[in-house]
Protein backbone atom coordinates (compact mmCIF):
# COMPACT_ATOMS: atom_id res chain seq x y z
CA MET A 1 4.46 4.70 -20.64
CA LYS A 2 7.88 3.77 -21.88
CA THR A 3 9.67 0.59 -20.90
CA GLY A 4 11.93 2.35 -18.39
CA GLN A 5 8.98 4.05 -16.75
CA ILE A 6 7.14 0.75 -16.46
CA ALA A 7 10.19 -0.84 -14.85
CA ARG A 8 10.59 2.01 -12.37
CA THR A 9 6.88 1.87 -11.54
CA LEU A 10 7.10 -1.87 -10.85
CA LEU A 11 10.23 -1.40 -8.71
CA ALA A 12 8.52 1.36 -6.74
CA GLY A 13 5.52 -0.91 -6.23
CA ALA A 14 7.77 -3.70 -4.97
CA ALA A 15 9.48 -1.29 -2.58
CA VAL A 16 6.11 -0.07 -1.28
CA ALA A 17 4.91 -3.64 -0.78
CA ILE A 18 8.03 -4.75 1.11
CA ALA A 19 8.39 -1.66 3.29
CA GLY A 20 4.65 -1.55 3.88
CA ALA A 21 4.49 -5.19 4.93
CA VAL A 22 7.19 -4.62 7.53
CA LEU A 23 5.48 -1.50 8.87
CA VAL A 24 2.00 -2.98 8.91
CA TYR A 25 3.07 -6.21 10.54
CA PHE A 26 5.33 -4.72 13.23
CA VAL A 27 4.21 -1.10 13.77
CA PHE A 28 0.43 -1.11 13.25
CA PRO A 29 -0.36 -3.49 16.14
CA GLU A 30 1.38 -1.06 18.50
CA ILE A 31 -0.70 1.92 17.36
CA GLY A 32 -4.19 2.19 18.71
CA PHE A 33 -5.56 5.65 18.12
CA GLY A 34 -4.51 7.37 14.94
CA ARG A 35 -4.25 4.24 12.85
CA LEU A 36 -6.55 5.70 10.20
CA ILE A 37 -4.55 8.91 9.97
CA LEU A 38 -1.34 6.94 9.58
CA SER A 39 -3.03 4.76 6.95
CA ALA A 40 -4.11 7.81 4.99
CA LEU A 41 -0.60 9.27 5.11
CA ALA A 42 0.94 5.95 4.08
CA GLY A 43 -1.46 5.59 1.16
CA TYR A 44 -0.83 9.16 0.08
CA GLY A 45 2.91 8.60 0.18
CA ALA A 46 2.77 5.26 -1.59
CA GLY A 47 0.62 6.59 -4.41
CA THR A 48 2.79 9.66 -4.85
CA PHE A 49 5.97 7.57 -4.81
CA ILE A 50 4.67 5.19 -7.47
CA HIS A 51 3.36 8.07 -9.57
CA ARG A 52 6.67 9.94 -9.48
CA ALA A 53 8.78 6.84 -10.02
CA GLY A 54 6.98 6.27 -13.31
CA GLY A 55 7.88 9.71 -14.58
CA ARG A 56 4.62 11.29 -13.39
CA ASN A 57 2.68 9.13 -15.82
CA GLY A 58 -0.29 7.84 -13.95
CA GLY A 59 -3.18 6.03 -15.42
CA PRO A 60 -4.51 2.52 -15.08
CA PHE A 61 -1.10 0.86 -14.90
CA ALA A 62 0.18 3.02 -12.04
CA MET A 63 -3.13 2.69 -10.22
CA THR A 64 -3.02 -1.10 -10.56
CA VAL A 65 0.56 -1.24 -9.30
CA ALA A 66 -0.36 0.96 -6.34
CA SER A 67 -3.38 -1.14 -5.42
CA VAL A 68 -1.50 -4.44 -5.70
CA ALA A 69 1.38 -3.04 -3.64
CA VAL A 70 -0.94 -1.91 -0.85
CA VAL A 71 -2.82 -5.21 -0.79
CA LEU A 72 0.47 -7.11 -0.66
CA ALA A 73 1.65 -4.85 2.17
CA PHE A 74 -1.42 -5.65 4.29
CA LEU A 75 -1.67 -9.31 3.30
CA PRO A 76 0.73 -10.79 5.92
CA ALA A 77 -0.94 -8.86 8.75
CA LEU A 78 -4.36 -10.06 7.61
CA LEU A 79 -3.53 -13.60 6.55
CA ILE A 80 -1.26 -14.90 9.33
CA PRO A 81 -3.77 -14.27 12.17
CA ALA A 82 -6.59 -15.58 9.97
CA LEU A 83 -4.76 -18.86 9.56
CA GLY A 84 -4.55 -19.09 13.33
CA GLY A 85 -8.29 -18.77 13.69
CA GLY A 86 -8.79 -15.06 14.34
CA PHE A 87 -9.34 -12.52 11.59
CA PRO A 88 -8.10 -9.00 12.46
CA VAL A 89 -11.22 -7.00 11.64
CA SER A 90 -9.54 -3.87 13.02
CA LEU A 91 -7.20 -3.82 10.00
CA LEU A 92 -9.91 -3.84 7.34
CA LEU A 93 -10.73 -0.12 7.49
CA PRO A 94 -7.06 0.98 7.53
CA THR A 95 -6.48 -1.30 4.53
CA LEU A 96 -9.31 0.32 2.60
CA VAL A 97 -8.21 3.84 3.56
CA THR A 98 -4.64 3.16 2.47
CA LEU A 99 -5.85 1.56 -0.74
CA GLY A 100 -8.09 4.50 -1.58
CA PHE A 101 -5.39 7.11 -1.01
CA ALA A 102 -2.78 5.12 -2.93
CA ILE A 103 -5.04 4.66 -5.95
CA TYR A 104 -6.14 8.28 -5.94
CA ASN A 105 -2.60 9.67 -5.76
CA SER A 106 -1.15 7.38 -8.40
CA ARG A 107 -3.60 8.44 -11.11
């Protein structure tokens, strides 16, 4: 990847992490049924966005950026309740589904 493509990939990853954190923290608790489907769609979109932002050059770098962006997006929703004493187990499977789709589509 060229320097510009790396920069665009990192910016796309930052955008995915910020937008994803807002959605996961505020929207996901309101959704009961269909959370896995929404997670799959979000992961698919995030991976595709990162892949295309880097000039359609996937590979290990784009996959790493996608995985870090998804983990950072879910981190506030997982960490804040855990600090209060209750770990949201119901978010573990959507996190893994989103992570899998994002990595697969950014390759």
